[in-house]
PDB file of N, CA and C in Angstrom:
ATOM      1  N   MET A   1      23.434 164.175 144.172  1.00  0.00           N
ATOM      2  CA  MET A   1      22.615 164.595 145.286  1.00  0.00           C
ATOM      3  C   MET A   1      22.982 163.828 146.560  1.00  0.00           C
ATOM      4  N   SER A   2      23.366 162.573 146.421  1.00  0.00           N
ATOM      5  CA  SER A   2      23.672 161.779 147.610  1.00  0.00           C
ATOM      6  C   SER A   2      25.030 162.118 148.219  1.00  0.00           C
ATOM      7  N   LEU A   3      25.859 162.865 147.508  1.00  0.00           N
ATOM      8  CA  LEU A   3      27.165 163.235 148.046  1.00  0.00           C
ATOM      9  C   LEU A   3      27.144 164.550 148.810  1.00  0.00           C
ATOM     10  N   ILE A   4      26.013 165.203 148.861  1.00  0.00           N
ATOM     11  CA  ILE A   4      25.936 166.487 149.557  1.00  0.00           C
ATOM     12  C   ILE A   4      26.122 166.294 151.059  1.00  0.00           C
ATOM     13  N   THR A   5      25.481 165.319 151.653  1.00  0.00           N
ATOM     14  CA  THR A   5      25.573 165.110 153.101  1.00  0.00           C
ATOM     15  C   THR A   5      26.992 164.763 153.540  1.00  0.00           C
ATOM     16  N   PRO A   6      27.684 163.810 152.916  1.00  0.00           N
ATOM     17  CA  PRO A   6      29.072 163.555 153.331  1.00  0.00           C
ATOM     18  C   PRO A   6      29.973 164.766 153.134  1.00  0.00           C
ATOM     19  N   LEU A   7      29.735 165.525 152.100  1.00  0.00           N
ATOM     20  CA  LEU A   7      30.539 166.723 151.854  1.00  0.00           C
ATOM     21  C   LEU A   7      30.312 167.760 152.947  1.00  0.00           C
ATOM     22  N   ILE A   8      29.072 167.942 153.344  1.00  0.00           N
ATOM     23  CA  ILE A   8      28.755 168.884 154.427  1.00  0.00           C
ATOM     24  C   ILE A   8      29.394 168.415 155.733  1.00  0.00           C
ATOM     25  N   LEU A   9      29.320 167.134 156.034  1.00  0.00           N
ATOM     26  CA  LEU A   9      29.922 166.609 157.246  1.00  0.00           C
ATOM     27  C   LEU A   9      31.439 166.772 157.233  1.00  0.00           C
ATOM     28  N   LEU A  10      32.055 166.566 156.102  1.00  0.00           N
ATOM     29  CA  LEU A  10      33.500 166.741 155.989  1.00  0.00           C
ATOM     30  C   LEU A  10      33.894 168.191 156.222  1.00  0.00           C
ATOM     31  N   VAL A  11      33.154 169.114 155.653  1.00  0.00           N
ATOM     32  CA  VAL A  11      33.435 170.536 155.848  1.00  0.00           C
ATOM     33  C   VAL A  11      33.264 170.920 157.311  1.00  0.00           C
ATOM     34  N   LEU A  12      32.213 170.431 157.956  1.00  0.00           N
ATOM     35  CA  LEU A  12      32.001 170.719 159.375  1.00  0.00           C
ATOM     36  C   LEU A  12      33.128 170.150 160.229  1.00  0.00           C
ATOM     37  N   PHE A  13      33.565 168.928 159.924  1.00  0.00           N
ATOM     38  CA  PHE A  13      34.649 168.321 160.683  1.00  0.00           C
ATOM     39  C   PHE A  13      35.930 169.128 160.546  1.00  0.00           C
ATOM     40  N   VAL A  14      36.291 169.448 159.323  1.00  0.00           N
ATOM     41  CA  VAL A  14      37.533 170.192 159.086  1.00  0.00           C
ATOM     42  C   VAL A  14      37.461 171.577 159.704  1.00  0.00           C
ATOM     43  N   THR A  15      36.300 172.197 159.647  1.00  0.00           N
ATOM     44  CA  THR A  15      36.169 173.565 160.135  1.00  0.00           C
ATOM     45  C   THR A  15      36.115 173.645 161.649  1.00  0.00           C
ATOM     46  N   PHE A  16      35.330 172.793 162.284  1.00  0.00           N
ATOM     47  CA  PHE A  16      35.054 172.970 163.708  1.00  0.00           C
ATOM     48  C   PHE A  16      35.585 171.851 164.600  1.00  0.00           C
ATOM     49  N   LEU A  17      35.493 170.621 164.173  1.00  0.00           N
ATOM     50  CA  LEU A  17      35.705 169.511 165.086  1.00  0.00           C
ATOM     51  C   LEU A  17      37.124 168.963 165.106  1.00  0.00           C
ATOM     52  N   ARG A  18      37.970 169.375 164.179  1.00  0.00           N
ATOM     53  CA  ARG A  18      39.326 168.842 164.131  1.00  0.00           C
ATOM     54  C   ARG A  18      40.088 169.168 165.408  1.00  0.00           C
ATOM     55  N   ASN A  19      40.012 170.414 165.870  1.00  0.00           N
ATOM     56  CA  ASN A  19      40.718 170.804 167.086  1.00  0.00           C
ATOM     57  C   ASN A  19      40.170 170.089 168.306  1.00  0.00           C
ATOM     58  N   VAL A  20      38.871 169.873 168.348  1.00  0.00           N
ATOM     59  CA  VAL A  20      38.263 169.139 169.459  1.00  0.00           C
ATOM     60  C   VAL A  20      38.762 167.699 169.449  1.00  0.00           C
ATOM     61  N   TYR A  21      38.811 167.091 168.290  1.00  0.00           N
ATOM     62  CA  TYR A  21      39.290 165.716 168.149  1.00  0.00           C
ATOM     63  C   TYR A  21      40.737 165.591 168.617  1.00  0.00           C
ATOM     64  N   ILE A  22      41.595 166.487 168.167  1.00  0.00           N
ATOM     65  CA  ILE A  22      43.013 166.433 168.528  1.00  0.00           C
ATOM     66  C   ILE A  22      43.193 166.704 170.020  1.00  0.00           C
ATOM     67  N   GLY A  23      42.484 167.680 170.555  1.00  0.00           N
ATOM     68  CA  GLY A  23      42.581 167.988 171.978  1.00  0.00           C
ATOM     69  C   GLY A  23      42.130 166.832 172.850  1.00  0.00           C
ATOM     70  N   THR A  24      41.051 166.181 172.466  1.00  0.00           N
ATOM     71  CA  THR A  24      40.551 165.034 173.222  1.00  0.00           C
ATOM     72  C   THR A  24      41.536 163.876 173.165  1.00  0.00           C
ATOM     73  N   LEU A  25      42.064 163.618 171.996  1.00  0.00           N
ATOM     74  CA  LEU A  25      43.019 162.521 171.837  1.00  0.00           C
ATOM     75  C   LEU A  25      44.267 162.767 172.679  1.00  0.00           C
ATOM     76  N   GLU A  26      44.774 163.982 172.669  1.00  0.00           N
ATOM     77  CA  GLU A  26      45.986 164.289 173.429  1.00  0.00           C
ATOM     78  C   GLU A  26      45.725 164.315 174.932  1.00  0.00           C
ATOM     79  N   SER A  27      44.533 164.683 175.365  1.00  0.00           N
ATOM     80  CA  SER A  27      44.245 164.741 176.796  1.00  0.00           C
ATOM     81  C   SER A  27      44.068 163.350 177.403  1.00  0.00           C
ATOM     82  N   VAL A  28      43.729 162.364 176.598  1.00  0.00           N
ATOM     83  CA  VAL A  28      43.521 161.010 177.095  1.00  0.00           C
ATOM     84  C   VAL A  28      44.855 160.293 177.315  1.00  0.00           C
ATOM     85  N   LEU A  29      45.867 160.673 176.550  1.00  0.00           N
ATOM     86  CA  LEU A  29      47.158 160.001 176.650  1.00  0.00           C
ATOM     87  C   LEU A  29      47.890 160.399 177.921  1.00  0.00           C
ATOM     88  N   PRO A  30      48.562 159.458 178.562  1.00  0.00           N
ATOM     89  CA  PRO A  30      49.370 159.801 179.730  1.00  0.00           C
ATOM     90  C   PRO A  30      50.558 160.684 179.326  1.00  0.00           C
ATOM     91  N   GLU A  31      51.082 161.433 180.298  1.00  0.00           N
ATOM     92  CA  GLU A  31      52.236 162.284 180.010  1.00  0.00           C
ATOM     93  C   GLU A  31      53.425 161.419 179.613  1.00  0.00           C
ATOM     94  N   GLY A  32      54.208 161.939 178.718  1.00  0.00           N
ATOM     95  CA  GLY A  32      55.390 161.218 178.267  1.00  0.00           C
ATOM     96  C   GLY A  32      55.151 160.363 177.040  1.00  0.00           C
ATOM     97  N   ILE A  33      53.910 160.151 176.677  1.00  0.00           N
ATOM     98  CA  ILE A  33      53.610 159.375 175.471  1.00  0.00           C
ATOM     99  C   ILE A  33      53.261 160.352 174.368  1.00  0.00           C
ATOM    100  N   ALA A  34      54.006 160.271 173.300  1.00  0.00           N
ATOM    101  CA  ALA A  34      53.775 161.166 172.177  1.00  0.00           C
ATOM    102  C   ALA A  34      53.293 160.358 170.973  1.00  0.00           C
ATOM    103  N   ILE A  35      52.357 160.922 170.271  1.00  0.00           N
ATOM    104  CA  ILE A  35      51.862 160.306 169.042  1.00  0.00           C
ATOM    105  C   ILE A  35      52.275 161.205 167.892  1.00  0.00           C
ATOM    106  N   GLY A  36      52.745 160.603 166.838  1.00  0.00           N
ATOM    107  CA  GLY A  36      53.186 161.371 165.682  1.00  0.00           C
ATOM    108  C   GLY A  36      52.028 162.077 164.990  1.00  0.00           C
ATOM    109  N   ASP A  37      52.351 163.160 164.332  1.00  0.00           N
ATOM    110  CA  ASP A  37      51.335 163.924 163.610  1.00  0.00           C
ATOM    111  C   ASP A  37      50.682 163.095 162.507  1.00  0.00           C
ATOM    112  N   GLU A  38      51.438 162.168 161.940  1.00  0.00           N
ATOM    113  CA  GLU A  38      50.876 161.332 160.877  1.00  0.00           C
ATOM    114  C   GLU A  38      49.708 160.503 161.400  1.00  0.00           C
ATOM    115  N   ILE A  39      49.825 160.006 162.628  1.00  0.00           N
ATOM    116  CA  ILE A  39      48.766 159.178 163.199  1.00  0.00           C
ATOM    117  C   ILE A  39      47.564 160.050 163.572  1.00  0.00           C
ATOM    118  N   ILE A  40      47.836 161.194 164.179  1.00  0.00           N
ATOM    119  CA  ILE A  40      46.748 162.076 164.571  1.00  0.00           C
ATOM    120  C   ILE A  40      45.989 162.571 163.349  1.00  0.00           C
ATOM    121  N   ASN A  41      46.694 162.958 162.317  1.00  0.00           N
ATOM    122  CA  ASN A  41      46.054 163.475 161.118  1.00  0.00           C
ATOM    123  C   ASN A  41      45.501 162.386 160.220  1.00  0.00           C
ATOM    124  N   GLY A  42      45.942 161.143 160.429  1.00  0.00           N
ATOM    125  CA  GLY A  42      45.442 160.046 159.629  1.00  0.00           C
ATOM    126  C   GLY A  42      46.107 159.913 158.264  1.00  0.00           C
ATOM    127  N   PHE A  43      47.261 160.553 158.098  1.00  0.00           N
ATOM    128  CA  PHE A  43      47.973 160.506 156.833  1.00  0.00           C
ATOM    129  C   PHE A  43      49.395 160.013 157.070  1.00  0.00           C
ATOM    130  N   PRO A  44      49.605 158.689 157.113  1.00  0.00           N
ATOM    131  CA  PRO A  44      50.959 158.194 157.306  1.00  0.00           C
ATOM    132  C   PRO A  44      51.845 158.519 156.121  1.00  0.00           C
ATOM    133  N   SER A  45      53.104 158.760 156.383  1.00  0.00           N
ATOM    134  CA  SER A  45      54.042 159.105 155.292  1.00  0.00           C
ATOM    135  C   SER A  45      54.574 157.863 154.634  1.00  0.00           C
TER     136      SER A  45
END
């Protein structure tokens, strides 16, 4: 029962907020600075 809330939040993040997160992160960076997809996604290779 206690895992329902984190699961719901994870689904909401993946469904709706991921693009907002990535867009915000990329808009804050100055031009010419690139961040790898591994860092943005949080899954280093």
